[in-house]
């Protein structure tokens, strides 16, 4: 690859980082919401479909169904088996990926935009969307693989801590459901087909396209893809979670020398008006790396942990605020005391003016890096579309960060964080009877 070509790519990416992102939005005749950003600098097209088909939609007696359904989508579909899917994508230099979290299931395709390359990649995506096989033999293999992977995870401290944390945060909500070997064993291929038919429906999908495509081409592609999906509307959400009425502590025995500690509470949904004060404030508390108060007090002064962090994770429904760290088990109680002291002080006073400016400067200054490639633009726009954020969200992001004041942060943290309701989970804790 020539230096001149690399320089041209750099210029294109730089222009993306500094130019505004123009998002076009419409709905297909099948009911799929579409978000489109034309980016003609590079001959690449990114396509992503997001479905309200995450783990929160698992039936209580078959937890893990959403994950298995998503895992089998591209392991045989239409006229293609899993090997042929892989080979066809490799032949045109395309990549089919995706993921699954509590809220959504994602399918994404990256392809060159030349007509013959694009057509070959889109053919594979169309087969996957319209006619996944859910073959019995493949299902048995993947289910056995999932059970084996889960059993291995249940021997390690961090997965144990994470599972116990989510279960304690959401004891009466699907966010807190835990996949078990037994729940996976209860799933059958017909369950996958039924889940796919209901949750991968056109009216339950958000389609995002970013890249080398005109608006008429984007409209035609959106209609083509949405018509392939099962017919159906959006899936209703469960009742919103409520914070536990009081805090709790869970200690799980484990032979690890390092204690794994999580603290948190349900806090904020996507689109909440307090998001920006919480974002800016958390930079000072535990989101700003070495300049954060938690890092300064727990690591630099106390020497209790190599790393400690905090963050808000807004979700479709009230997502968690979380503090996490690892420390030697004999120091776990001392480290927790420092964490609580730092949090209490921050809730009482908020950041200093100097800390506020540092947080705003960092968040504003680093924002263009979130938009310096088609892939990053796709991620941001897909999230906006799935969670119903306003189309000017990216345009107003920096101004909204800049508008946050110390009192905004104090009020927002007071509304969303009650120290007496914090859930604490420690794996490999110091024994209670230890000196």
Protein backbone atom coordinates (compact mmCIF):
# COMPACT_ATOMS: atom_id res chain seq x y z
CA UNK A 1 0.00 0.00 0.00
CA UNK A 2 1.54 3.32 -1.07
CA UNK A 3 2.31 6.19 1.28
CA UNK A 4 0.17 8.46 -0.92
CA UNK A 5 -2.84 6.15 -0.52
CA UNK A 6 -2.35 6.02 3.26
CA UNK A 7 -2.15 9.82 3.34
CA UNK A 8 -5.42 10.12 1.40
CA UNK A 9 -7.14 7.75 3.85
CA UNK A 10 -5.82 9.84 6.74
CA UNK A 11 -7.24 13.01 5.17
CA UNK A 12 -10.61 11.35 4.69
CA UNK A 13 -10.76 10.17 8.28
CA UNK A 14 -9.67 13.58 9.52
CA UNK A 15 -12.47 15.25 7.58
CA UNK A 16 -14.95 12.83 9.12
CA UNK A 17 -13.76 13.74 12.60
CA UNK A 18 -14.31 17.47 12.06
CA UNK A 19 -17.41 17.48 9.87
CA UNK A 20 -20.90 17.30 11.24
CA UNK A 21 -22.72 14.00 10.87
CA UNK A 22 -25.87 14.38 8.75
CA UNK A 23 -28.34 11.70 9.79
CA UNK A 24 -31.34 10.92 7.60
CA UNK A 25 -34.24 9.00 9.08
CA UNK A 26 -37.33 7.25 7.72
CA UNK A 27 -39.42 4.10 8.15
CA UNK A 28 -39.83 1.32 5.61
CA UNK A 29 -43.18 0.00 4.46
CA UNK A 30 -42.60 -3.06 6.68
CA UNK A 31 -42.19 -0.88 9.78
CA UNK A 32 -38.39 -0.89 10.20
CA UNK A 33 -36.90 2.39 11.42
CA UNK A 34 -33.95 3.47 9.27
CA UNK A 35 -31.02 5.81 10.01
CA UNK A 36 -28.62 6.68 7.20
CA UNK A 37 -25.37 8.64 6.96
CA UNK A 38 -23.88 9.09 3.50
CA UNK A 39 -20.07 8.98 3.56
CA UNK A 40 -18.64 8.83 0.05
CA UNK A 41 -14.94 9.33 0.86
CA UNK A 42 -14.13 5.61 1.08
CA UNK A 43 -15.63 2.72 -0.96
CA UNK A 44 -17.07 1.04 2.13
CA UNK A 45 -20.60 0.38 3.34
CA UNK A 46 -21.53 -0.55 6.92
CA UNK A 47 -24.97 -1.97 7.64
CA UNK A 48 -26.30 -2.79 11.09
CA UNK A 49 -29.61 -4.19 12.26
CA UNK A 50 -30.54 -3.91 15.93
CA UNK A 51 -33.43 -5.90 17.35
CA UNK A 52 -35.11 -5.70 20.74
CA UNK A 53 -33.98 -9.28 21.25
CA UNK A 54 -31.44 -9.09 24.06
CA UNK A 55 -31.17 -11.24 27.15
CA UNK A 56 -33.91 -9.29 28.95
CA UNK A 57 -36.40 -11.06 26.68
CA UNK A 58 -35.38 -14.55 27.77
CA UNK A 59 -38.25 -16.61 29.20
CA UNK A 60 -37.70 -17.23 32.90
CA UNK A 61 -37.51 -21.00 32.37
CA UNK A 62 -35.16 -20.84 29.35
CA UNK A 63 -32.63 -18.16 30.19
CA UNK A 64 -29.98 -18.13 27.48
CA UNK A 65 -32.45 -18.45 24.61
CA UNK A 66 -31.66 -15.01 23.18
CA UNK A 67 -27.95 -15.80 23.12
CA UNK A 68 -28.34 -19.17 21.44
CA UNK A 69 -30.73 -17.75 18.84
CA UNK A 70 -28.26 -15.01 17.94
CA UNK A 71 -25.33 -17.44 17.87
CA UNK A 72 -27.00 -19.72 15.30
CA UNK A 73 -28.20 -17.05 12.86
CA UNK A 74 -25.13 -17.24 10.61
CA UNK A 75 -24.41 -20.94 11.13
CA UNK A 76 -26.46 -21.97 8.13
CA UNK A 77 -29.17 -20.00 6.35
CA UNK A 78 -31.16 -20.33 3.14
CA UNK A 79 -29.10 -21.99 0.45
CA UNK A 80 -25.88 -21.76 2.46
CA UNK A 81 -24.38 -23.83 5.24
CA UNK A 82 -22.02 -22.25 7.77
CA UNK A 83 -18.90 -23.00 5.70
CA UNK A 84 -20.42 -21.52 2.56
CA UNK A 85 -21.43 -18.39 4.47
CA UNK A 86 -17.85 -17.93 5.63
CA UNK A 87 -16.41 -18.61 2.18
CA UNK A 88 -18.75 -16.26 0.35
CA UNK A 89 -17.94 -13.43 2.71
CA UNK A 90 -14.21 -14.07 2.33
CA UNK A 91 -14.53 -14.08 -1.47
CA UNK A 92 -15.85 -10.49 -1.50
CA UNK A 93 -13.78 -9.21 1.42
CA UNK A 94 -16.83 -8.68 3.64
CA UNK A 95 -17.32 -9.24 7.35
CA UNK A 96 -20.53 -10.31 9.10
CA UNK A 97 -20.58 -9.75 12.85
CA UNK A 98 -22.78 -8.66 15.68
CA UNK A 99 -23.36 -9.05 19.37
CA UNK A 100 -25.89 -9.39 22.12
CA UNK A 101 -26.42 -7.59 25.42
CA UNK A 102 -29.26 -7.21 27.89
CA UNK A 103 -31.30 -4.97 25.55
CA UNK A 104 -30.52 -5.77 21.95
CA UNK A 105 -29.23 -8.27 19.44
CA UNK A 106 -27.13 -6.90 16.59
CA UNK A 107 -26.18 -8.07 13.12
CA UNK A 108 -23.63 -5.98 11.24
CA UNK A 109 -22.14 -6.22 7.76
CA UNK A 110 -19.10 -4.39 6.41
CA UNK A 111 -18.55 -4.61 2.67
CA UNK A 112 -16.85 -2.81 -0.16
CA UNK A 113 -19.37 -0.64 -1.98
CA UNK A 114 -18.53 -1.68 -5.54
CA UNK A 115 -21.77 -3.18 -6.94
CA UNK A 116 -20.45 -6.71 -7.47
CA UNK A 117 -18.79 -6.88 -4.04
CA UNK A 118 -21.77 -5.33 -2.29
CA UNK A 119 -24.24 -7.65 -4.00
CA UNK A 120 -22.31 -10.75 -2.92
CA UNK A 121 -22.11 -9.61 0.71
CA UNK A 122 -25.75 -8.54 0.84
CA UNK A 123 -26.85 -11.91 -0.54
CA UNK A 124 -25.34 -13.59 2.52
CA UNK A 125 -26.97 -11.09 4.89
CA UNK A 126 -30.32 -11.62 3.18
CA UNK A 127 -30.12 -15.38 3.68
CA UNK A 128 -29.29 -14.94 7.36
CA UNK A 129 -32.14 -12.48 7.91
CA UNK A 130 -34.78 -14.45 6.04
CA UNK A 131 -34.02 -18.14 6.44
CA UNK A 132 -31.77 -19.17 9.34
CA UNK A 133 -31.61 -22.97 9.54
CA UNK A 134 -31.40 -23.57 13.31
CA UNK A 135 -30.17 -27.01 12.31
CA UNK A 136 -30.57 -29.61 15.06
CA UNK A 137 -26.99 -30.88 14.89
CA UNK A 138 -25.52 -27.37 14.90
CA UNK A 139 -27.85 -26.44 17.74
CA UNK A 140 -26.68 -29.38 19.86
CA UNK A 141 -23.06 -28.48 19.23
CA UNK A 142 -23.51 -24.80 20.11
CA UNK A 143 -25.62 -25.53 23.16
CA UNK A 144 -22.99 -27.97 24.45
CA UNK A 145 -20.31 -25.34 23.78
CA UNK A 146 -22.32 -22.72 25.68
CA UNK A 147 -22.83 -25.03 28.66
CA UNK A 148 -19.12 -25.89 28.76
CA UNK A 149 -18.16 -22.22 28.54
CA UNK A 150 -20.57 -21.29 31.31
CA UNK A 151 -19.29 -24.05 33.60
CA UNK A 152 -15.76 -22.78 33.05
CA UNK A 153 -16.84 -19.18 33.79
CA UNK A 154 -18.43 -20.28 37.04
CA UNK A 155 -14.98 -21.27 38.32
CA UNK A 156 -13.53 -17.77 37.85
CA UNK A 157 -13.94 -14.88 40.30
CA UNK A 158 -14.84 -12.05 37.92
CA UNK A 159 -17.78 -13.81 36.18
CA UNK A 160 -19.01 -14.95 39.61
CA UNK A 161 -18.90 -11.36 40.87
CA UNK A 162 -20.64 -9.99 37.80
CA UNK A 163 -23.45 -12.56 37.93
CA UNK A 164 -24.04 -12.03 41.65
CA UNK A 165 -23.98 -8.25 41.15
CA UNK A 166 -26.63 -8.22 38.41
CA UNK A 167 -28.79 -10.70 40.30
CA UNK A 168 -28.70 -8.54 43.43
CA UNK A 169 -29.32 -5.31 41.50
CA UNK A 170 -32.36 -6.69 39.66
CA UNK A 171 -33.91 -9.42 41.81
CA UNK A 172 -37.37 -9.03 40.24
CA UNK A 173 -36.46 -7.91 36.71
CA UNK A 174 -35.17 -9.78 33.64
CA UNK A 175 -31.90 -7.81 33.78
CA UNK A 176 -31.08 -9.96 36.80
CA UNK A 177 -31.87 -13.34 35.23
CA UNK A 178 -28.91 -15.73 35.17
CA UNK A 179 -28.15 -18.29 32.51
CA UNK A 180 -27.44 -21.70 34.05
CA UNK A 181 -26.45 -25.06 32.58
CA UNK A 182 -29.98 -26.22 33.45
CA UNK A 183 -31.69 -23.33 31.68
CA UNK A 184 -29.60 -23.91 28.56
CA UNK A 185 -30.37 -27.64 28.65
CA UNK A 186 -34.11 -26.82 28.65
CA UNK A 187 -33.91 -25.00 25.28
CA UNK A 188 -34.90 -26.78 22.05
CA UNK A 189 -34.50 -25.78 18.36
CA UNK A 190 -38.19 -24.90 18.12
CA UNK A 191 -37.66 -22.34 20.89
CA UNK A 192 -35.06 -20.61 18.73
CA UNK A 193 -37.39 -20.51 15.73
CA UNK A 194 -40.21 -19.02 17.79
CA UNK A 195 -37.92 -16.43 19.39
CA UNK A 196 -36.51 -15.45 16.00
CA UNK A 197 -39.95 -15.11 14.44
CA UNK A 198 -41.18 -12.82 17.23
CA UNK A 199 -38.12 -10.76 18.06
CA UNK A 200 -36.38 -10.47 14.69
CA UNK A 201 -39.47 -8.95 13.11
CA UNK A 202 -39.43 -5.92 10.82
CA UNK A 203 -41.33 -3.74 13.28
CA UNK A 204 -38.93 -4.69 16.08
CA UNK A 205 -35.82 -3.69 14.11
CA UNK A 206 -33.70 -0.60 13.64
CA UNK A 207 -31.55 -0.45 10.48
CA UNK A 208 -28.49 1.81 10.35
CA UNK A 209 -26.41 2.36 7.22
CA UNK A 210 -23.22 4.41 6.97
CA UNK A 211 -21.04 4.70 3.91
CA UNK A 212 -20.76 4.94 0.16
CA UNK A 213 -24.44 4.94 -0.79
CA UNK A 214 -26.85 7.50 -2.22
CA UNK A 215 -30.18 8.24 -0.55
CA UNK A 216 -32.18 6.45 -3.30
CA UNK A 217 -29.88 3.43 -3.03
CA UNK A 218 -30.24 3.48 0.75
CA UNK A 219 -34.04 3.58 0.51
CA UNK A 220 -34.08 0.66 -1.90
CA UNK A 221 -31.72 -1.39 0.28
CA UNK A 222 -33.73 -0.65 3.41
CA UNK A 223 -36.95 -1.81 1.74
CA UNK A 224 -35.21 -4.91 0.44
CA UNK A 225 -33.81 -5.93 3.83
CA UNK A 226 -36.91 -5.12 5.90
CA UNK A 227 -39.17 -7.14 3.57
CA UNK A 228 -37.05 -10.21 4.29
CA UNK A 229 -37.73 -10.06 8.03
CA UNK A 230 -40.66 -11.78 9.70
CA UNK A 231 -43.71 -9.54 9.89
CA UNK A 232 -44.53 -8.15 13.31
CA UNK A 233 -44.30 -5.12 15.53
CA UNK A 234 -42.23 -4.02 18.48
CA UNK A 235 -41.96 -6.26 21.53
CA UNK A 236 -43.32 -4.79 24.79
CA UNK A 237 -40.92 -4.19 27.65
CA UNK A 238 -41.35 -5.66 31.13
CA UNK A 239 -42.26 -3.42 34.04
CA UNK A 240 -39.43 -1.03 34.86
CA UNK A 241 -37.02 -2.14 37.59
CA UNK A 242 -37.03 -0.40 40.94
CA UNK A 243 -33.97 0.03 43.15
CA UNK A 244 -33.77 -2.40 46.07
CA UNK A 245 -35.30 -0.74 49.15
CA UNK A 246 -32.06 -1.15 51.04
CA UNK A 247 -28.46 -2.04 50.36
CA UNK A 248 -26.96 -5.47 50.74
CA UNK A 249 -23.61 -7.22 50.86
CA UNK A 250 -22.82 -10.53 49.24
CA UNK A 251 -19.56 -12.34 49.91
CA UNK A 252 -18.66 -15.35 47.80
CA UNK A 253 -15.85 -17.68 48.79
CA UNK A 254 -13.13 -18.31 46.23
CA UNK A 255 -9.45 -19.32 46.50
CA UNK A 256 -8.24 -16.35 44.42
CA UNK A 257 -5.69 -14.12 46.13
CA UNK A 258 -7.35 -11.01 44.69
CA UNK A 259 -10.77 -9.94 45.94
CA UNK A 260 -13.09 -8.83 43.12
CA UNK A 261 -15.41 -6.07 44.31
CA UNK A 262 -18.46 -4.53 42.65
CA UNK A 263 -20.62 -1.79 44.14
CA UNK A 264 -23.66 -0.19 42.53
CA UNK A 265 -27.35 0.44 42.14
CA UNK A 266 -29.90 0.74 39.32
CA UNK A 267 -29.55 4.35 38.20
CA UNK A 268 -30.45 5.62 34.74
CA UNK A 269 -32.24 4.79 31.50
CA UNK A 270 -31.19 6.02 28.05
CA UNK A 271 -32.55 9.46 27.31
CA UNK A 272 -32.73 10.56 30.95
CA UNK A 273 -32.33 14.33 31.31
CA UNK A 274 -29.64 13.81 33.97
CA UNK A 275 -27.32 11.91 31.65
CA UNK A 276 -24.91 14.76 30.95
CA UNK A 277 -24.50 15.90 34.58
CA UNK A 278 -23.88 12.28 35.57
CA UNK A 279 -21.42 11.77 32.70
CA UNK A 280 -19.42 14.89 33.53
CA UNK A 281 -19.50 14.26 37.28
CA UNK A 282 -18.45 10.65 36.96
CA UNK A 283 -15.31 11.68 35.07
CA UNK A 284 -14.10 13.22 38.32
CA UNK A 285 -15.40 10.44 40.53
CA UNK A 286 -14.08 7.36 38.75
CA UNK A 287 -14.26 7.69 34.98
CA UNK A 288 -11.23 9.85 34.31
CA UNK A 289 -8.45 7.32 34.77
CA UNK A 290 -5.52 8.53 36.85
CA UNK A 291 -7.08 11.95 37.50
CA UNK A 292 -10.24 10.52 39.09
CA UNK A 293 -10.74 10.71 42.83
CA UNK A 294 -11.20 6.97 43.24
CA UNK A 295 -7.93 6.29 41.46
CA UNK A 296 -6.11 8.92 43.47
CA UNK A 297 -7.41 7.74 46.84
CA UNK A 298 -7.63 3.98 46.34
CA UNK A 299 -4.54 3.44 44.21
CA UNK A 300 -2.17 6.38 44.54
CA UNK A 301 -2.61 7.13 48.23
CA UNK A 302 -3.90 3.86 49.62
CA UNK A 303 -2.05 1.42 47.39
CA UNK A 304 -5.05 -0.91 47.51
CA UNK A 305 -5.62 -1.55 43.81
CA UNK A 306 -3.92 -1.26 40.45
CA UNK A 307 -7.15 0.02 38.92
CA UNK A 308 -10.50 1.28 40.20
CA UNK A 309 -13.29 2.76 38.11
CA UNK A 310 -16.89 3.94 38.14
CA UNK A 311 -19.41 4.42 35.36
CA UNK A 312 -23.08 4.81 34.54
CA UNK A 313 -24.47 2.31 32.04
CA UNK A 314 -27.77 3.72 30.72
CA UNK A 315 -30.00 1.04 29.23
CA UNK A 316 -33.49 0.66 27.79
CA UNK A 317 -34.68 0.59 31.37
CA UNK A 318 -32.81 1.78 34.44
CA UNK A 319 -29.22 0.64 33.95
CA UNK A 320 -26.61 0.43 36.71
CA UNK A 321 -24.11 2.74 38.28
CA UNK A 322 -21.08 0.62 39.10
CA UNK A 323 -17.79 0.90 40.94
CA UNK A 324 -15.30 -1.91 40.44
CA UNK A 325 -11.87 -2.84 41.70
CA UNK A 326 -9.59 -5.73 42.58
CA UNK A 327 -7.44 -5.82 45.68
CA UNK A 328 -5.61 -8.33 47.87
CA UNK A 329 -8.22 -10.17 49.89
CA UNK A 330 -6.73 -9.06 53.22
CA UNK A 331 -7.17 -5.43 52.11
CA UNK A 332 -10.72 -5.72 50.81
CA UNK A 333 -12.43 -4.12 53.83
CA UNK A 334 -9.95 -1.26 54.03
CA UNK A 335 -10.33 -0.61 50.29
CA UNK A 336 -14.12 -0.59 50.61
CA UNK A 337 -13.93 1.98 53.38
CA UNK A 338 -11.92 4.30 51.15
CA UNK A 339 -14.37 3.83 48.27
CA UNK A 340 -17.33 4.71 50.50
CA UNK A 341 -15.54 7.76 51.89
CA UNK A 342 -14.72 9.07 48.40
CA UNK A 343 -18.27 8.49 47.18
CA UNK A 344 -19.85 10.14 50.23
CA UNK A 345 -17.63 13.20 49.85
CA UNK A 346 -18.41 13.49 46.16
CA UNK A 347 -22.16 13.20 46.77
CA UNK A 348 -21.95 15.93 49.38
CA UNK A 349 -19.82 18.42 47.46
CA UNK A 350 -19.51 17.42 43.81
CA UNK A 351 -16.39 18.30 41.84
CA UNK A 352 -14.31 21.39 42.40
CA UNK A 353 -14.35 24.08 39.69
CA UNK A 354 -10.92 22.88 38.54
CA UNK A 355 -12.14 19.27 38.33
CA UNK A 356 -15.26 20.32 36.44
CA UNK A 357 -13.21 22.18 33.84
CA UNK A 358 -10.82 19.25 33.44
CA UNK A 359 -13.74 16.87 32.91
CA UNK A 360 -15.42 19.13 30.37
CA UNK A 361 -12.18 19.79 28.48
CA UNK A 362 -11.46 16.07 28.23
CA UNK A 363 -14.97 15.01 27.18
CA UNK A 364 -15.26 17.83 24.65
CA UNK A 365 -11.73 17.48 23.32
CA UNK A 366 -11.95 13.71 22.86
CA UNK A 367 -15.40 13.76 21.27
CA UNK A 368 -14.19 13.99 17.64
CA UNK A 369 -12.33 10.71 18.15
CA UNK A 370 -15.72 9.06 18.63
CA UNK A 371 -16.58 9.97 15.03
CA UNK A 372 -13.30 9.51 13.20
CA UNK A 373 -14.34 6.43 11.20
CA UNK A 374 -17.43 5.01 9.56
CA UNK A 375 -17.46 2.21 12.12
CA UNK A 376 -17.60 4.64 15.03
CA UNK A 377 -20.27 6.73 13.33
CA UNK A 378 -22.28 3.55 12.80
CA UNK A 379 -21.98 2.59 16.46
CA UNK A 380 -23.13 6.02 17.62
CA UNK A 381 -26.00 6.38 15.17
CA UNK A 382 -27.23 2.81 15.75
CA UNK A 383 -27.31 3.46 19.50
CA UNK A 384 -29.21 6.71 18.93
CA UNK A 385 -31.72 4.94 16.71
CA UNK A 386 -32.29 1.94 18.95
CA UNK A 387 -32.73 4.02 22.10
CA UNK A 388 -34.75 6.81 20.50
CA UNK A 389 -32.25 9.60 21.14
CA UNK A 390 -32.82 12.87 19.23
CA UNK A 391 -31.26 13.22 15.79
CA UNK A 392 -29.23 16.23 16.95
CA UNK A 393 -27.67 14.26 19.82
CA UNK A 394 -24.18 14.27 18.27
CA UNK A 395 -24.47 17.90 17.18
CA UNK A 396 -25.36 19.10 20.69
CA UNK A 397 -23.15 16.72 22.69
CA UNK A 398 -20.26 19.12 23.28
CA UNK A 399 -22.51 22.08 24.11
CA UNK A 400 -24.46 20.00 26.61
CA UNK A 401 -21.25 18.87 28.29
CA UNK A 402 -20.07 22.47 28.44
CA UNK A 403 -23.38 23.61 29.99
CA UNK A 404 -23.08 21.34 33.05
CA UNK A 405 -22.51 23.11 36.36
CA UNK A 406 -21.41 21.82 39.75
CA UNK A 407 -24.90 22.17 41.20
CA UNK A 408 -26.34 20.19 38.25
CA UNK A 409 -23.97 17.34 39.12
CA UNK A 410 -24.80 17.40 42.82
CA UNK A 411 -28.54 17.34 42.15
CA UNK A 412 -28.29 14.58 39.52
CA UNK A 413 -26.15 12.35 41.72
CA UNK A 414 -28.53 12.91 44.65
CA UNK A 415 -31.48 11.84 42.49
CA UNK A 416 -29.85 8.66 41.19
CA UNK A 417 -27.50 7.46 43.94
CA UNK A 418 -28.53 6.67 47.51
CA UNK A 419 -25.53 5.28 49.44
CA UNK A 420 -27.79 3.30 51.77
CA UNK A 421 -29.11 1.37 48.74
CA UNK A 422 -25.74 0.35 47.34
CA UNK A 423 -25.32 -3.31 46.48
CA UNK A 424 -21.86 -4.68 47.28
CA UNK A 425 -20.56 -7.99 45.96
CA UNK A 426 -17.12 -9.37 46.86
CA UNK A 427 -15.66 -12.59 45.54
CA UNK A 428 -12.68 -13.93 47.48
CA UNK A 429 -13.38 -11.61 50.38
CA UNK A 430 -11.38 -11.51 53.57
CA UNK A 431 -12.86 -14.14 55.90
CA UNK A 432 -15.11 -12.69 58.57
CA UNK A 433 -13.08 -14.26 61.40
CA UNK A 434 -9.75 -13.09 60.00
CA UNK A 435 -7.68 -10.90 62.30
